[in-house]
Protein backbone atom coordinates (compact mmCIF):
# COMPACT_ATOMS: atom_id res chain seq x y z
CA MET A 1 -74.46 -55.15 -51.70
CA GLU A 2 -77.19 -52.66 -50.87
CA MET A 3 -80.79 -53.67 -50.56
CA THR A 4 -84.18 -52.32 -49.68
CA ARG A 5 -85.97 -54.54 -47.21
CA GLU A 6 -88.45 -54.65 -44.45
CA GLY A 7 -87.08 -55.29 -41.02
CA LYS A 8 -87.62 -54.83 -37.32
CA TYR A 9 -85.73 -52.09 -35.56
CA VAL A 10 -85.41 -50.75 -32.05
CA ILE A 11 -84.68 -47.04 -31.89
CA ALA A 12 -83.72 -45.46 -28.59
CA ILE A 13 -83.93 -41.71 -28.13
CA ASN A 14 -81.69 -41.03 -25.20
CA GLY A 15 -82.88 -37.44 -24.81
CA GLY A 16 -80.92 -34.46 -25.87
CA ARG A 17 -80.78 -32.07 -28.72
CA GLU A 18 -80.37 -34.69 -31.45
CA SER A 19 -83.69 -36.47 -30.87
CA ILE A 20 -84.85 -35.37 -34.32
CA TYR A 21 -82.49 -38.00 -35.76
CA GLY A 22 -84.39 -40.77 -33.97
CA ILE A 23 -87.79 -39.54 -35.15
CA ARG A 24 -86.54 -39.09 -38.71
CA LEU A 25 -84.96 -42.56 -38.67
CA ALA A 26 -88.20 -44.13 -37.37
CA ALA A 27 -90.17 -42.39 -40.14
CA GLU A 28 -87.66 -43.62 -42.74
CA PHE A 29 -87.88 -47.24 -41.58
CA LEU A 30 -91.68 -47.11 -41.39
CA SER A 31 -91.97 -45.60 -44.88
CA ARG A 32 -90.01 -48.62 -46.16
CA GLY A 33 -92.42 -51.12 -44.58
CA SER A 34 -90.33 -51.92 -41.52
CA TYR A 35 -91.47 -52.36 -37.92
CA VAL A 36 -90.19 -49.97 -35.26
CA HIS A 37 -90.09 -50.13 -31.48
CA LEU A 38 -89.26 -46.60 -30.29
CA ILE A 39 -88.03 -46.05 -26.74
CA ILE A 40 -87.71 -42.54 -25.37
CA LYS A 41 -85.55 -42.13 -22.28
CA ASN A 42 -87.57 -41.23 -19.23
CA GLY A 43 -87.03 -37.69 -17.98
CA THR A 44 -85.91 -36.05 -21.23
CA GLY A 45 -87.50 -32.76 -20.21
CA GLU A 46 -91.00 -31.37 -20.54
CA ALA A 47 -90.48 -29.34 -23.73
CA LEU A 48 -88.73 -32.20 -25.51
CA GLU A 49 -91.29 -34.73 -24.31
CA GLU A 50 -94.15 -32.58 -25.67
CA SER A 51 -92.43 -32.20 -29.03
CA LEU A 52 -91.71 -35.93 -29.20
CA LYS A 53 -95.31 -36.74 -28.23
CA GLU A 54 -96.63 -34.80 -31.21
CA GLN A 55 -94.24 -36.57 -33.55
CA THR A 56 -94.80 -40.05 -32.12
CA ASP A 57 -98.59 -39.55 -32.21
CA MET A 58 -98.26 -38.79 -35.91
CA LEU A 59 -96.25 -41.99 -36.48
CA LYS A 60 -98.78 -44.06 -34.44
CA ASP A 61 -101.65 -42.66 -36.51
CA ARG A 62 -99.91 -43.28 -39.82
CA TYR A 63 -98.41 -46.71 -39.06
CA PRO A 64 -100.54 -48.25 -36.27
CA GLU A 65 -99.62 -51.87 -37.11
CA ARG A 66 -95.87 -51.34 -37.36
CA PHE A 67 -95.01 -48.67 -34.79
CA VAL A 68 -94.77 -49.32 -31.05
CA LEU A 69 -93.86 -46.63 -28.55
CA GLU A 70 -92.23 -48.33 -25.57
CA ASN A 71 -91.90 -47.06 -22.00
CA ASP A 72 -88.24 -46.92 -20.94
CA LEU A 73 -89.19 -47.99 -17.41
CA ASP A 74 -91.37 -50.98 -18.44
CA LYS A 75 -89.57 -54.12 -17.29
CA GLU A 76 -92.57 -56.31 -18.07
CA CYS A 77 -92.76 -55.67 -21.82
CA ASN A 78 -91.71 -58.35 -24.30
CA LEU A 79 -88.83 -56.23 -25.58
CA TYR A 80 -87.31 -56.08 -22.08
CA LYS A 81 -87.72 -59.84 -21.69
CA GLY A 82 -85.92 -60.50 -24.96
CA ALA A 83 -89.06 -61.97 -26.55
CA VAL A 84 -89.05 -59.51 -29.48
CA SER A 85 -86.79 -60.37 -32.38
CA PHE A 86 -85.22 -57.42 -34.18
CA ASP A 87 -82.57 -56.79 -36.82
CA ALA A 88 -80.81 -53.85 -35.22
CA MET A 89 -80.90 -51.41 -32.37
CA ILE A 90 -79.98 -47.81 -32.95
CA ALA A 91 -79.45 -45.42 -30.03
CA VAL A 92 -79.83 -41.94 -31.48
CA PRO A 93 -78.66 -39.83 -29.85
CA ALA A 94 -76.46 -41.80 -27.47
CA SER A 95 -74.93 -39.80 -24.65
CA ILE A 96 -71.56 -40.78 -23.25
CA ASP A 97 -73.31 -41.81 -20.03
CA GLY A 98 -75.63 -44.08 -22.03
CA ILE A 99 -72.70 -45.49 -24.00
CA ARG A 100 -70.83 -46.13 -20.74
CA ASP A 101 -73.87 -47.91 -19.27
CA ILE A 102 -74.21 -50.07 -22.40
CA ASN A 103 -70.52 -50.93 -22.21
CA GLU A 104 -70.95 -51.95 -18.55
CA HIS A 105 -73.93 -54.21 -19.42
CA LYS A 106 -76.31 -52.24 -17.21
CA THR A 107 -79.95 -53.25 -17.67
CA ASP A 108 -82.00 -51.04 -15.37
CA THR A 109 -83.98 -49.37 -18.20
CA LEU A 110 -85.54 -50.71 -21.38
CA ILE A 111 -83.00 -48.86 -23.52
CA LEU A 112 -80.11 -50.50 -21.69
CA LYS A 113 -81.76 -53.92 -21.64
CA ALA A 114 -82.53 -53.78 -25.37
CA ALA A 115 -78.90 -52.82 -26.07
CA ASP A 116 -77.72 -55.69 -23.87
CA ASN A 117 -80.07 -58.07 -25.70
CA ALA A 118 -78.73 -56.83 -29.03
CA ARG A 119 -75.18 -57.60 -27.91
CA LYS A 120 -76.07 -61.03 -26.51
CA GLN A 121 -78.10 -62.00 -29.58
CA HIS A 122 -75.43 -60.68 -31.97
CA ARG A 123 -77.77 -58.09 -33.47
CA LYS A 124 -76.47 -54.93 -35.07
CA LEU A 125 -75.94 -52.17 -32.48
CA ILE A 126 -75.47 -48.63 -33.77
CA LEU A 127 -74.72 -45.75 -31.45
CA VAL A 128 -75.09 -42.22 -32.83
CA ALA A 129 -72.91 -40.52 -30.25
CA ASN A 130 -73.56 -36.97 -29.11
CA VAL A 131 -70.27 -36.85 -27.28
CA ASP A 132 -68.97 -33.29 -26.96
CA HIS A 133 -65.52 -34.19 -25.71
CA PHE A 134 -63.48 -37.12 -26.99
CA ASP A 135 -61.12 -37.60 -24.08
CA ALA A 136 -59.16 -40.81 -23.55
CA GLU A 137 -61.77 -42.35 -21.25
CA ASN A 138 -64.65 -41.70 -23.67
CA LEU A 139 -62.62 -43.07 -26.58
CA GLU A 140 -61.70 -46.20 -24.60
CA ILE A 141 -65.37 -46.86 -23.82
CA MET A 142 -66.36 -46.45 -27.48
CA HIS A 143 -63.37 -48.53 -28.58
CA SER A 144 -64.42 -51.35 -26.25
CA LEU A 145 -67.90 -51.43 -27.80
CA ALA A 146 -66.52 -51.14 -31.32
CA LYS A 147 -64.28 -54.17 -30.70
CA GLU A 148 -67.46 -56.11 -29.82
CA GLY A 149 -69.02 -55.10 -33.14
CA ALA A 150 -70.96 -51.95 -32.31
CA ASP A 151 -70.92 -49.22 -34.94
CA ILE A 152 -70.46 -45.72 -33.56
CA ILE A 153 -71.00 -42.60 -35.61
CA PRO A 154 -71.14 -38.97 -34.52
CA ALA A 155 -74.42 -37.10 -34.20
CA ALA A 156 -72.89 -34.30 -36.21
CA PRO A 157 -74.48 -32.73 -39.26
CA PRO A 158 -72.26 -31.93 -42.24
CA PHE A 159 -71.60 -28.28 -42.98
CA PHE A 160 -69.56 -28.74 -46.12
CA HIS A 161 -72.34 -28.33 -48.66
CA VAL A 162 -73.30 -24.71 -49.25
CA LYS A 163 -76.90 -25.30 -50.33
CA SER A 164 -77.82 -27.87 -47.69
CA THR A 165 -80.98 -27.42 -45.66
CA LEU A 166 -81.50 -28.47 -42.06
CA GLU A 167 -83.47 -31.45 -43.37
CA ASP A 168 -80.55 -32.39 -45.65
CA MET A 169 -78.19 -32.35 -42.67
CA ILE A 170 -80.53 -34.54 -40.60
CA ASP A 171 -80.97 -36.93 -43.51
CA TYR A 172 -77.20 -37.20 -43.92
CA THR A 173 -76.87 -38.83 -40.49
CA VAL A 174 -80.00 -40.95 -41.03
CA HIS A 175 -78.61 -42.21 -44.32
CA ASN A 176 -75.27 -43.00 -42.66
CA VAL A 177 -77.22 -45.37 -40.37
CA LEU A 178 -78.97 -46.90 -43.39
CA GLY A 179 -75.58 -47.38 -45.04
CA ILE A 180 -74.24 -49.27 -42.02
CA LEU A 181 -77.31 -51.53 -42.24
CA LYS A 182 -76.72 -52.01 -45.99
CA ILE A 183 -80.15 -50.61 -46.77
CA ASP A 184 -80.63 -48.83 -50.08
CA ASN A 185 -80.22 -45.14 -49.50
CA ALA A 186 -79.97 -43.88 -53.05
CA ALA A 187 -82.00 -40.80 -52.10
CA CYS A 188 -79.16 -39.57 -49.91
CA PRO A 189 -77.27 -36.64 -51.40
CA ASN A 190 -73.78 -37.70 -52.43
CA TRP A 191 -71.65 -35.20 -50.52
CA LYS A 192 -68.53 -37.31 -50.30
């Protein structure tokens, strides 16, 4: 059963080349009336941080009541303390190091603490993995999290549709996340 609904979501941008997925996902949730706490990993790089600042400023201006930009190093915020209720946490992109830290229940950053809270509170945890090499160790780590209920999808755009645009490819991954959450995503191109 698919549905369109408001909700509360934590999105973690763990740096890297796939950060556009996190921004696009935040915009999609906000356009549907949902609340978003966005955490950007500290130290993602100056160029990426400047690009993300422009995009997050736009989201803050457009949705000031429902969009919160969190500091990954803030251990005093309500989200770190577990005082913020949310429906799901999505780490997009999620590096293998971040996935490993989540699997090991590390909590030294807000991203890791929010993921740990999601696991403890039995909230949906979705990891959009930007893993370049699926060796046995990486697969074991992801398998361990999947056995606990985490959903893991690749941060890989589809290239099987000749007329697809870059935006279509980004939306494909975003709509895969919506599908996991059972949120209506009828606007997604049916490429299957």
